[in-house]
Amino acid sequence: MEEHSRRSKLEMHVDILKVLACHGPLKLTHIMYKANVNCSVMKQFLDFLAQHGLVEEQNFRKKKIQKTVYVITEKGRTALTHFKEITRAIQTTEETQRAYVFI
């Protein structure tokens, strides 16, 4: 049986950082689709990440139209690296614990 669980806010923030690290700079709607985050909370999440210096909003004009894109900052890349390291450490610990159960 497959377990369906909702992502935490932290996991959604990390997914946004991953999308920007791989595909950025991107417009809000493109981040929303790639990170699979609901439109109603996407702007709040981006504002939160920007307030903490993890992403940056950049505005520019293209053919007389104002465009806004988001980019991951160096601090955001560092946070993403740390998150990946912690996730790997936890997975390794869980695998070790499961191995002891079978012994």
PDB file of N, CA and C in Angstrom:
ATOM      1  N   MET A   1       0.844  -1.179   0.000  1.00  0.00           N
ATOM      2  CA  MET A   1       0.000   0.000   0.000  1.00  0.00           C
ATOM      3  C   MET A   1       0.893   1.247   0.000  1.00  0.00           C
ATOM      4  N   GLU A   2       0.620   2.164  -0.885  1.00  0.00           N
ATOM      5  CA  GLU A   2       1.429   3.378  -1.002  1.00  0.00           C
ATOM      6  C   GLU A   2       0.930   4.412  -0.001  1.00  0.00           C
ATOM      7  N   GLU A   3       1.856   5.034   0.696  1.00  0.00           N
ATOM      8  CA  GLU A   3       1.501   6.030   1.693  1.00  0.00           C
ATOM      9  C   GLU A   3       1.511   7.414   1.052  1.00  0.00           C
ATOM     10  N   HIS A   4       0.397   8.132   1.215  1.00  0.00           N
ATOM     11  CA  HIS A   4       0.298   9.498   0.697  1.00  0.00           C
ATOM     12  C   HIS A   4       0.353  10.441   1.882  1.00  0.00           C
ATOM     13  N   SER A   5       1.356  11.293   1.907  1.00  0.00           N
ATOM     14  CA  SER A   5       1.451  12.252   2.991  1.00  0.00           C
ATOM     15  C   SER A   5       1.650  13.640   2.414  1.00  0.00           C
ATOM     16  N   ARG A   6       1.156  14.602   3.142  1.00  0.00           N
ATOM     17  CA  ARG A   6       1.308  15.979   2.714  1.00  0.00           C
ATOM     18  C   ARG A   6       2.710  16.456   3.055  1.00  0.00           C
ATOM     19  N   ARG A   7       3.222  17.331   2.213  1.00  0.00           N
ATOM     20  CA  ARG A   7       4.542  17.895   2.485  1.00  0.00           C
ATOM     21  C   ARG A   7       4.421  18.967   3.565  1.00  0.00           C
ATOM     22  N   SER A   8       5.441  19.066   4.358  1.00  0.00           N
ATOM     23  CA  SER A   8       5.499  20.129   5.363  1.00  0.00           C
ATOM     24  C   SER A   8       5.872  21.442   4.665  1.00  0.00           C
ATOM     25  N   LYS A   9       5.733  22.537   5.394  1.00  0.00           N
ATOM     26  CA  LYS A   9       6.154  23.832   4.850  1.00  0.00           C
ATOM     27  C   LYS A   9       7.636  23.804   4.523  1.00  0.00           C
ATOM     28  N   LEU A  10       8.414  23.191   5.405  1.00  0.00           N
ATOM     29  CA  LEU A  10       9.858  23.091   5.165  1.00  0.00           C
ATOM     30  C   LEU A  10      10.139  22.366   3.857  1.00  0.00           C
ATOM     31  N   GLU A  11       9.457  21.253   3.622  1.00  0.00           N
ATOM     32  CA  GLU A  11       9.670  20.499   2.382  1.00  0.00           C
ATOM     33  C   GLU A  11       9.276  21.320   1.159  1.00  0.00           C
ATOM     34  N   MET A  12       8.208  22.107   1.262  1.00  0.00           N
ATOM     35  CA  MET A  12       7.803  22.957   0.134  1.00  0.00           C
ATOM     36  C   MET A  12       8.823  24.071  -0.095  1.00  0.00           C
ATOM     37  N   HIS A  13       9.346  24.649   0.995  1.00  0.00           N
ATOM     38  CA  HIS A  13      10.386  25.675   0.849  1.00  0.00           C
ATOM     39  C   HIS A  13      11.617  25.076   0.165  1.00  0.00           C
ATOM     40  N   VAL A  14      12.002  23.895   0.578  1.00  0.00           N
ATOM     41  CA  VAL A  14      13.163  23.228  -0.010  1.00  0.00           C
ATOM     42  C   VAL A  14      12.900  22.913  -1.478  1.00  0.00           C
ATOM     43  N   ASP A  15      11.691  22.464  -1.808  1.00  0.00           N
ATOM     44  CA  ASP A  15      11.362  22.183  -3.205  1.00  0.00           C
ATOM     45  C   ASP A  15      11.472  23.444  -4.068  1.00  0.00           C
ATOM     46  N   ILE A  16      11.050  24.575  -3.535  1.00  0.00           N
ATOM     47  CA  ILE A  16      11.169  25.844  -4.264  1.00  0.00           C
ATOM     48  C   ILE A  16      12.646  26.171  -4.489  1.00  0.00           C
ATOM     49  N   LEU A  17      13.459  26.009  -3.457  1.00  0.00           N
ATOM     50  CA  LEU A  17      14.901  26.266  -3.608  1.00  0.00           C
ATOM     51  C   LEU A  17      15.524  25.331  -4.634  1.00  0.00           C
ATOM     52  N   LYS A  18      15.123  24.054  -4.622  1.00  0.00           N
ATOM     53  CA  LYS A  18      15.647  23.092  -5.598  1.00  0.00           C
ATOM     54  C   LYS A  18      15.293  23.506  -7.023  1.00  0.00           C
ATOM     55  N   VAL A  19      14.055  23.922  -7.226  1.00  0.00           N
ATOM     56  CA  VAL A  19      13.612  24.345  -8.562  1.00  0.00           C
ATOM     57  C   VAL A  19      14.443  25.535  -9.035  1.00  0.00           C
ATOM     58  N   LEU A  20      14.624  26.516  -8.152  1.00  0.00           N
ATOM     59  CA  LEU A  20      15.401  27.698  -8.539  1.00  0.00           C
ATOM     60  C   LEU A  20      16.867  27.365  -8.758  1.00  0.00           C
ATOM     61  N   ALA A  21      17.398  26.425  -7.989  1.00  0.00           N
ATOM     62  CA  ALA A  21      18.799  26.019  -8.171  1.00  0.00           C
ATOM     63  C   ALA A  21      18.986  25.322  -9.515  1.00  0.00           C
ATOM     64  N   CYS A  22      18.001  24.561  -9.937  1.00  0.00           N
ATOM     65  CA  CYS A  22      18.117  23.796 -11.189  1.00  0.00           C
ATOM     66  C   CYS A  22      17.664  24.569 -12.422  1.00  0.00           C
ATOM     67  N   HIS A  23      16.631  25.411 -12.280  1.00  0.00           N
ATOM     68  CA  HIS A  23      16.001  26.024 -13.457  1.00  0.00           C
ATOM     69  C   HIS A  23      15.992  27.548 -13.458  1.00  0.00           C
ATOM     70  N   GLY A  24      16.292  28.185 -12.331  1.00  0.00           N
ATOM     71  CA  GLY A  24      16.125  29.630 -12.193  1.00  0.00           C
ATOM     72  C   GLY A  24      16.978  30.441 -13.135  1.00  0.00           C
ATOM     73  N   PRO A  25      16.736  31.724 -13.244  1.00  0.00           N
ATOM     74  CA  PRO A  25      15.646  32.503 -12.666  1.00  0.00           C
ATOM     75  C   PRO A  25      14.308  32.174 -13.339  1.00  0.00           C
ATOM     76  N   LEU A  26      13.236  32.209 -12.538  1.00  0.00           N
ATOM     77  CA  LEU A  26      11.915  31.841 -13.048  1.00  0.00           C
ATOM     78  C   LEU A  26      10.840  32.795 -12.550  1.00  0.00           C
ATOM     79  N   LYS A  27       9.766  32.875 -13.336  1.00  0.00           N
ATOM     80  CA  LYS A  27       8.595  33.620 -12.911  1.00  0.00           C
ATOM     81  C   LYS A  27       7.824  32.789 -11.892  1.00  0.00           C
ATOM     82  N   LEU A  28       7.008  33.466 -11.109  1.00  0.00           N
ATOM     83  CA  LEU A  28       6.249  32.835 -10.038  1.00  0.00           C
ATOM     84  C   LEU A  28       5.463  31.617 -10.524  1.00  0.00           C
ATOM     85  N   THR A  29       4.747  31.750 -11.622  1.00  0.00           N
ATOM     86  CA  THR A  29       3.915  30.633 -12.096  1.00  0.00           C
ATOM     87  C   THR A  29       4.754  29.429 -12.509  1.00  0.00           C
ATOM     88  N   HIS A  30       5.924  29.664 -13.062  1.00  0.00           N
ATOM     89  CA  HIS A  30       6.787  28.544 -13.456  1.00  0.00           C
ATOM     90  C   HIS A  30       7.325  27.810 -12.232  1.00  0.00           C
ATOM     91  N   ILE A  31       7.648  28.566 -11.182  1.00  0.00           N
ATOM     92  CA  ILE A  31       8.091  27.937  -9.932  1.00  0.00           C
ATOM     93  C   ILE A  31       6.947  27.115  -9.356  1.00  0.00           C
ATOM     94  N   MET A  32       5.763  27.692  -9.377  1.00  0.00           N
ATOM     95  CA  MET A  32       4.578  27.033  -8.822  1.00  0.00           C
ATOM     96  C   MET A  32       4.370  25.654  -9.449  1.00  0.00           C
ATOM     97  N   TYR A  33       4.441  25.574 -10.761  1.00  0.00           N
ATOM     98  CA  TYR A  33       4.222  24.295 -11.445  1.00  0.00           C
ATOM     99  C   TYR A  33       5.367  23.315 -11.207  1.00  0.00           C
ATOM    100  N   LYS A  34       6.592  23.803 -11.278  1.00  0.00           N
ATOM    101  CA  LYS A  34       7.746  22.906 -11.129  1.00  0.00           C
ATOM    102  C   LYS A  34       7.889  22.387  -9.692  1.00  0.00           C
ATOM    103  N   ALA A  35       7.547  23.217  -8.701  1.00  0.00           N
ATOM    104  CA  ALA A  35       7.667  22.812  -7.301  1.00  0.00           C
ATOM    105  C   ALA A  35       6.379  22.171  -6.782  1.00  0.00           C
ATOM    106  N   ASN A  36       5.336  22.211  -7.604  1.00  0.00           N
ATOM    107  CA  ASN A  36       4.034  21.651  -7.224  1.00  0.00           C
ATOM    108  C   ASN A  36       3.533  22.280  -5.916  1.00  0.00           C
ATOM    109  N   VAL A  37       3.520  23.604  -5.900  1.00  0.00           N
ATOM    110  CA  VAL A  37       3.046  24.361  -4.737  1.00  0.00           C
ATOM    111  C   VAL A  37       1.831  25.165  -5.159  1.00  0.00           C
ATOM    112  N   ASN A  38       0.820  25.144  -4.335  1.00  0.00           N
ATOM    113  CA  ASN A  38      -0.452  25.821  -4.580  1.00  0.00           C
ATOM    114  C   ASN A  38      -0.258  27.324  -4.799  1.00  0.00           C
ATOM    115  N   CYS A  39      -0.991  27.853  -5.737  1.00  0.00           N
ATOM    116  CA  CYS A  39      -0.912  29.267  -6.090  1.00  0.00           C
ATOM    117  C   CYS A  39      -1.191  30.178  -4.897  1.00  0.00           C
ATOM    118  N   SER A  40      -2.138  29.785  -4.052  1.00  0.00           N
ATOM    119  CA  SER A  40      -2.540  30.653  -2.940  1.00  0.00           C
ATOM    120  C   SER A  40      -1.436  30.842  -1.901  1.00  0.00           C
ATOM    121  N   VAL A  41      -0.485  29.916  -1.817  1.00  0.00           N
ATOM    122  CA  VAL A  41       0.592  30.054  -0.831  1.00  0.00           C
ATOM    123  C   VAL A  41       1.956  30.345  -1.458  1.00  0.00           C
ATOM    124  N   MET A  42       2.064  30.225  -2.763  1.00  0.00           N
ATOM    125  CA  MET A  42       3.355  30.402  -3.429  1.00  0.00           C
ATOM    126  C   MET A  42       3.977  31.764  -3.132  1.00  0.00           C
ATOM    127  N   LYS A  43       3.220  32.833  -3.267  1.00  0.00           N
ATOM    128  CA  LYS A  43       3.760  34.182  -3.039  1.00  0.00           C
ATOM    129  C   LYS A  43       4.211  34.335  -1.590  1.00  0.00           C
ATOM    130  N   GLN A  44       3.444  33.785  -0.643  1.00  0.00           N
ATOM    131  CA  GLN A  44       3.834  33.835   0.765  1.00  0.00           C
ATOM    132  C   GLN A  44       5.162  33.118   0.983  1.00  0.00           C
ATOM    133  N   PHE A  45       5.320  31.954   0.372  1.00  0.00           N
ATOM    134  CA  PHE A  45       6.550  31.185   0.523  1.00  0.00           C
ATOM    135  C   PHE A  45       7.734  31.939  -0.071  1.00  0.00           C
ATOM    136  N   LEU A  46       7.545  32.527  -1.254  1.00  0.00           N
ATOM    137  CA  LEU A  46       8.630  33.280  -1.881  1.00  0.00           C
ATOM    138  C   LEU A  46       8.987  34.512  -1.055  1.00  0.00           C
ATOM    139  N   ASP A  47       7.981  35.180  -0.502  1.00  0.00           N
ATOM    140  CA  ASP A  47       8.243  36.339   0.358  1.00  0.00           C
ATOM    141  C   ASP A  47       9.040  35.921   1.595  1.00  0.00           C
ATOM    142  N   PHE A  48       8.657  34.783   2.195  1.00  0.00           N
ATOM    143  CA  PHE A  48       9.366  34.262   3.366  1.00  0.00           C
ATOM    144  C   PHE A  48      10.822  33.968   3.021  1.00  0.00           C
ATOM    145  N   LEU A  49      11.040  33.276   1.901  1.00  0.00           N
ATOM    146  CA  LEU A  49      12.400  32.933   1.486  1.00  0.00           C
ATOM    147  C   LEU A  49      13.212  34.186   1.171  1.00  0.00           C
ATOM    148  N   ALA A  50      12.569  35.193   0.588  1.00  0.00           N
ATOM    149  CA  ALA A  50      13.257  36.452   0.280  1.00  0.00           C
ATOM    150  C   ALA A  50      13.610  37.210   1.563  1.00  0.00           C
ATOM    151  N   GLN A  51      12.700  37.232   2.531  1.00  0.00           N
ATOM    152  CA  GLN A  51      12.957  37.911   3.804  1.00  0.00           C
ATOM    153  C   GLN A  51      14.159  37.311   4.524  1.00  0.00           C
ATOM    154  N   HIS A  52      14.388  36.017   4.309  1.00  0.00           N
ATOM    155  CA  HIS A  52      15.496  35.339   4.964  1.00  0.00           C
ATOM    156  C   HIS A  52      16.743  35.259   4.074  1.00  0.00           C
ATOM    157  N   GLY A  53      16.693  35.950   2.940  1.00  0.00           N
ATOM    158  CA  GLY A  53      17.864  36.047   2.079  1.00  0.00           C
ATOM    159  C   GLY A  53      18.173  34.785   1.286  1.00  0.00           C
ATOM    160  N   LEU A  54      17.190  33.891   1.143  1.00  0.00           N
ATOM    161  CA  LEU A  54      17.411  32.639   0.422  1.00  0.00           C
ATOM    162  C   LEU A  54      17.079  32.748  -1.062  1.00  0.00           C
ATOM    163  N   VAL A  55      16.161  33.645  -1.398  1.00  0.00           N
ATOM    164  CA  VAL A  55      15.859  33.940  -2.799  1.00  0.00           C
ATOM    165  C   VAL A  55      15.836  35.450  -2.966  1.00  0.00           C
ATOM    166  N   GLU A  56      15.918  35.864  -4.208  1.00  0.00           N
ATOM    167  CA  GLU A  56      15.914  37.291  -4.516  1.00  0.00           C
ATOM    168  C   GLU A  56      14.939  37.545  -5.652  1.00  0.00           C
ATOM    169  N   GLU A  57      14.161  38.603  -5.511  1.00  0.00           N
ATOM    170  CA  GLU A  57      13.223  39.014  -6.548  1.00  0.00           C
ATOM    171  C   GLU A  57      13.939  40.009  -7.457  1.00  0.00           C
ATOM    172  N   GLN A  58      13.852  39.763  -8.765  1.00  0.00           N
ATOM    173  CA  GLN A  58      14.482  40.675  -9.719  1.00  0.00           C
ATOM    174  C   GLN A  58      13.427  41.154 -10.710  1.00  0.00           C
ATOM    175  N   ASN A  59      13.386  42.462 -10.915  1.00  0.00           N
ATOM    176  CA  ASN A  59      12.420  43.065 -11.832  1.00  0.00           C
ATOM    177  C   ASN A  59      13.151  43.620 -13.045  1.00  0.00           C
ATOM    178  N   PHE A  60      12.528  43.452 -14.202  1.00  0.00           N
ATOM    179  CA  PHE A  60      13.093  44.028 -15.417  1.00  0.00           C
ATOM    180  C   PHE A  60      11.969  44.294 -16.411  1.00  0.00           C
ATOM    181  N   ARG A  61      12.276  45.094 -17.397  1.00  0.00           N
ATOM    182  CA  ARG A  61      11.283  45.421 -18.435  1.00  0.00           C
ATOM    183  C   ARG A  61      11.614  44.654 -19.705  1.00  0.00           C
ATOM    184  N   LYS A  62      10.580  44.104 -20.308  1.00  0.00           N
ATOM    185  CA  LYS A  62      10.746  43.412 -21.577  1.00  0.00           C
ATOM    186  C   LYS A  62       9.594  43.839 -22.473  1.00  0.00           C
ATOM    187  N   LYS A  63       9.936  44.539 -23.544  1.00  0.00           N
ATOM    188  CA  LYS A  63       8.925  45.059 -24.471  1.00  0.00           C
ATOM    189  C   LYS A  63       7.841  45.848 -23.736  1.00  0.00           C
ATOM    190  N   LYS A  64       8.278  46.804 -22.927  1.00  0.00           N
ATOM    191  CA  LYS A  64       7.408  47.705 -22.170  1.00  0.00           C
ATOM    192  C   LYS A  64       6.564  47.008 -21.106  1.00  0.00           C
ATOM    193  N   ILE A  65       6.867  45.764 -20.817  1.00  0.00           N
ATOM    194  CA  ILE A  65       6.127  45.023 -19.789  1.00  0.00           C
ATOM    195  C   ILE A  65       7.067  44.720 -18.633  1.00  0.00           C
ATOM    196  N   GLN A  66       6.597  45.024 -17.418  1.00  0.00           N
ATOM    197  CA  GLN A  66       7.386  44.750 -16.220  1.00  0.00           C
ATOM    198  C   GLN A  66       7.328  43.256 -15.911  1.00  0.00           C
ATOM    199  N   LYS A  67       8.481  42.627 -15.766  1.00  0.00           N
ATOM    200  CA  LYS A  67       8.570  41.194 -15.450  1.00  0.00           C
ATOM    201  C   LYS A  67       9.264  41.025 -14.103  1.00  0.00           C
ATOM    202  N   THR A  68       8.829  40.042 -13.363  1.00  0.00           N
ATOM    203  CA  THR A  68       9.461  39.706 -12.087  1.00  0.00           C
ATOM    204  C   THR A  68       9.880  38.249 -12.122  1.00  0.00           C
ATOM    205  N   VAL A  69      11.129  37.993 -11.789  1.00  0.00           N
ATOM    206  CA  VAL A  69      11.627  36.621 -11.694  1.00  0.00           C
ATOM    207  C   VAL A  69      12.274  36.455 -10.325  1.00  0.00           C
ATOM    208  N   TYR A  70      12.433  35.198  -9.942  1.00  0.00           N
ATOM    209  CA  TYR A  70      13.046  34.865  -8.657  1.00  0.00           C
ATOM    210  C   TYR A  70      14.291  34.038  -8.917  1.00  0.00           C
ATOM    211  N   VAL A  71      15.337  34.321  -8.140  1.00  0.00           N
ATOM    212  CA  VAL A  71      16.595  33.577  -8.249  1.00  0.00           C
ATOM    213  C   VAL A  71      17.025  33.134  -6.849  1.00  0.00           C
ATOM    214  N   ILE A  72      17.692  32.013  -6.791  1.00  0.00           N
ATOM    215  CA  ILE A  72      18.226  31.542  -5.520  1.00  0.00           C
ATOM    216  C   ILE A  72      19.516  32.311  -5.237  1.00  0.00           C
ATOM    217  N   THR A  73      19.720  32.675  -3.987  1.00  0.00           N
ATOM    218  CA  THR A  73      20.934  33.390  -3.594  1.00  0.00           C
ATOM    219  C   THR A  73      22.003  32.381  -3.166  1.00  0.00           C
ATOM    220  N   GLU A  74      23.190  32.876  -2.909  1.00  0.00           N
ATOM    221  CA  GLU A  74      24.261  32.012  -2.412  1.00  0.00           C
ATOM    222  C   GLU A  74      23.865  31.418  -1.060  1.00  0.00           C
ATOM    223  N   LYS A  75      23.227  32.237  -0.223  1.00  0.00           N
ATOM    224  CA  LYS A  75      22.745  31.747   1.073  1.00  0.00           C
ATOM    225  C   LYS A  75      21.701  30.631   0.870  1.00  0.00           C
ATOM    226  N   GLY A  76      20.859  30.780  -0.139  1.00  0.00           N
ATOM    227  CA  GLY A  76      19.864  29.749  -0.457  1.00  0.00           C
ATOM    228  C   GLY A  76      20.523  28.455  -0.909  1.00  0.00           C
ATOM    229  N   ARG A  77      21.572  28.575  -1.724  1.00  0.00           N
ATOM    230  CA  ARG A  77      22.319  27.378  -2.171  1.00  0.00           C
ATOM    231  C   ARG A  77      22.986  26.680  -0.990  1.00  0.00           C
ATOM    232  N   THR A  78      23.532  27.470  -0.068  1.00  0.00           N
ATOM    233  CA  THR A  78      24.171  26.901   1.125  1.00  0.00           C
ATOM    234  C   THR A  78      23.131  26.177   1.985  1.00  0.00           C
ATOM    235  N   ALA A  79      21.978  26.795   2.181  1.00  0.00           N
ATOM    236  CA  ALA A  79      20.910  26.171   2.969  1.00  0.00           C
ATOM    237  C   ALA A  79      20.460  24.864   2.319  1.00  0.00           C
ATOM    238  N   LEU A  80      20.343  24.859   1.001  1.00  0.00           N
ATOM    239  CA  LEU A  80      19.933  23.657   0.275  1.00  0.00           C
ATOM    240  C   LEU A  80      20.971  22.549   0.435  1.00  0.00           C
ATOM    241  N   THR A  81      22.225  22.900   0.373  1.00  0.00           N
ATOM    242  CA  THR A  81      23.306  21.917   0.572  1.00  0.00           C
ATOM    243  C   THR A  81      23.235  21.318   1.974  1.00  0.00           C
ATOM    244  N   HIS A  82      23.038  22.159   2.976  1.00  0.00           N
ATOM    245  CA  HIS A  82      22.935  21.671   4.360  1.00  0.00           C
ATOM    246  C   HIS A  82      21.716  20.760   4.527  1.00  0.00           C
ATOM    247  N   PHE A  83      20.611  21.139   3.916  1.00  0.00           N
ATOM    248  CA  PHE A  83      19.404  20.325   4.014  1.00  0.00           C
ATOM    249  C   PHE A  83      19.650  18.939   3.407  1.00  0.00           C
ATOM    250  N   LYS A  84      20.314  18.899   2.258  1.00  0.00           N
ATOM    251  CA  LYS A  84      20.615  17.617   1.615  1.00  0.00           C
ATOM    252  C   LYS A  84      21.525  16.761   2.501  1.00  0.00           C
ATOM    253  N   GLU A  85      22.513  17.395   3.129  1.00  0.00           N
ATOM    254  CA  GLU A  85      23.427  16.665   4.019  1.00  0.00           C
ATOM    255  C   GLU A  85      22.678  16.086   5.220  1.00  0.00           C
ATOM    256  N   ILE A  86      21.795  16.863   5.797  1.00  0.00           N
ATOM    257  CA  ILE A  86      21.007  16.396   6.940  1.00  0.00           C
ATOM    258  C   ILE A  86      20.094  15.250   6.518  1.00  0.00           C
ATOM    259  N   THR A  87      19.458  15.382   5.369  1.00  0.00           N
ATOM    260  CA  THR A  87      18.567  14.336   4.867  1.00  0.00           C
ATOM    261  C   THR A  87      19.336  13.036   4.661  1.00  0.00           C
ATOM    262  N   ARG A  88      20.523  13.122   4.064  1.00  0.00           N
ATOM    263  CA  ARG A  88      21.357  11.917   3.865  1.00  0.00           C
ATOM    264  C   ARG A  88      21.746  11.284   5.195  1.00  0.00           C
ATOM    265  N   ALA A  89      22.103  12.112   6.173  1.00  0.00           N
ATOM    266  CA  ALA A  89      22.502  11.596   7.488  1.00  0.00           C
ATOM    267  C   ALA A  89      21.332  10.882   8.165  1.00  0.00           C
ATOM    268  N   ILE A  90      20.155  11.449   8.052  1.00  0.00           N
ATOM    269  CA  ILE A  90      18.968  10.828   8.650  1.00  0.00           C
ATOM    270  C   ILE A  90      18.654   9.515   7.955  1.00  0.00           C
ATOM    271  N   GLN A  91      18.723   9.498   6.627  1.00  0.00           N
ATOM    272  CA  GLN A  91      18.445   8.258   5.888  1.00  0.00           C
ATOM    273  C   GLN A  91      19.448   7.175   6.252  1.00  0.00           C
ATOM    274  N   THR A  92      20.712   7.540   6.375  1.00  0.00           N
ATOM    275  CA  THR A  92      21.749   6.571   6.747  1.00  0.00           C
ATOM    276  C   THR A  92      21.464   6.011   8.137  1.00  0.00           C
ATOM    277  N   THR A  93      21.080   6.875   9.069  1.00  0.00           N
ATOM    278  CA  THR A  93      20.757   6.446  10.430  1.00  0.00           C
ATOM    279  C   THR A  93      19.556   5.507  10.431  1.00  0.00           C
ATOM    280  N   GLU A  94      18.517   5.851   9.659  1.00  0.00           N
ATOM    281  CA  GLU A  94      17.327   5.000   9.591  1.00  0.00           C
ATOM    282  C   GLU A  94      17.652   3.644   8.978  1.00  0.00           C
ATOM    283  N   GLU A  95      18.491   3.629   7.943  1.00  0.00           N
ATOM    284  CA  GLU A  95      18.873   2.365   7.309  1.00  0.00           C
ATOM    285  C   GLU A  95      19.664   1.498   8.279  1.00  0.00           C
ATOM    286  N   THR A  96      20.545   2.116   9.053  1.00  0.00           N
ATOM    287  CA  THR A  96      21.333   1.383  10.046  1.00  0.00           C
ATOM    288  C   THR A  96      20.414   0.801  11.115  1.00  0.00           C
ATOM    289  N   GLN A  97      19.447   1.571  11.566  1.00  0.00           N
ATOM    290  CA  GLN A  97      18.519   1.097  12.584  1.00  0.00           C
ATOM    291  C   GLN A  97      17.673  -0.065  12.058  1.00  0.00           C
ATOM    292  N   ARG A  98      17.228   0.020  10.799  1.00  0.00           N
ATOM    293  CA  ARG A  98      16.447  -1.072  10.200  1.00  0.00           C
ATOM    294  C   ARG A  98      17.297  -2.326  10.077  1.00  0.00           C
ATOM    295  N   ALA A  99      18.570  -2.162   9.752  1.00  0.00           N
ATOM    296  CA  ALA A  99      19.469  -3.309   9.616  1.00  0.00           C
ATOM    297  C   ALA A  99      19.600  -4.053  10.944  1.00  0.00           C
ATOM    298  N   TYR A 100      19.641  -3.319  12.060  1.00  0.00           N
ATOM    299  CA  TYR A 100      19.754  -3.954  13.376  1.00  0.00           C
ATOM    300  C   TYR A 100      18.478  -4.721  13.738  1.00  0.00           C
ATOM    301  N   VAL A 101      17.352  -4.297  13.230  1.00  0.00           N
ATOM    302  CA  VAL A 101      16.091  -4.989  13.503  1.00  0.00           C
ATOM    303  C   VAL A 101      16.110  -6.392  12.884  1.00  0.00           C
ATOM    304  N   PHE A 102      16.735  -6.525  11.728  1.00  0.00           N
ATOM    305  CA  PHE A 102      16.757  -7.805  11.020  1.00  0.00           C
ATOM    306  C   PHE A 102      17.847  -8.746  11.513  1.00  0.00           C
ATOM    307  N   ILE A 103      18.768  -8.254  12.316  1.00  0.00           N
ATOM    308  CA  ILE A 103      19.885  -9.096  12.782  1.00  0.00           C
ATOM    309  C   ILE A 103      19.426  -9.992  13.903  1.00  0.00           C
TER     310      ILE A 103
END
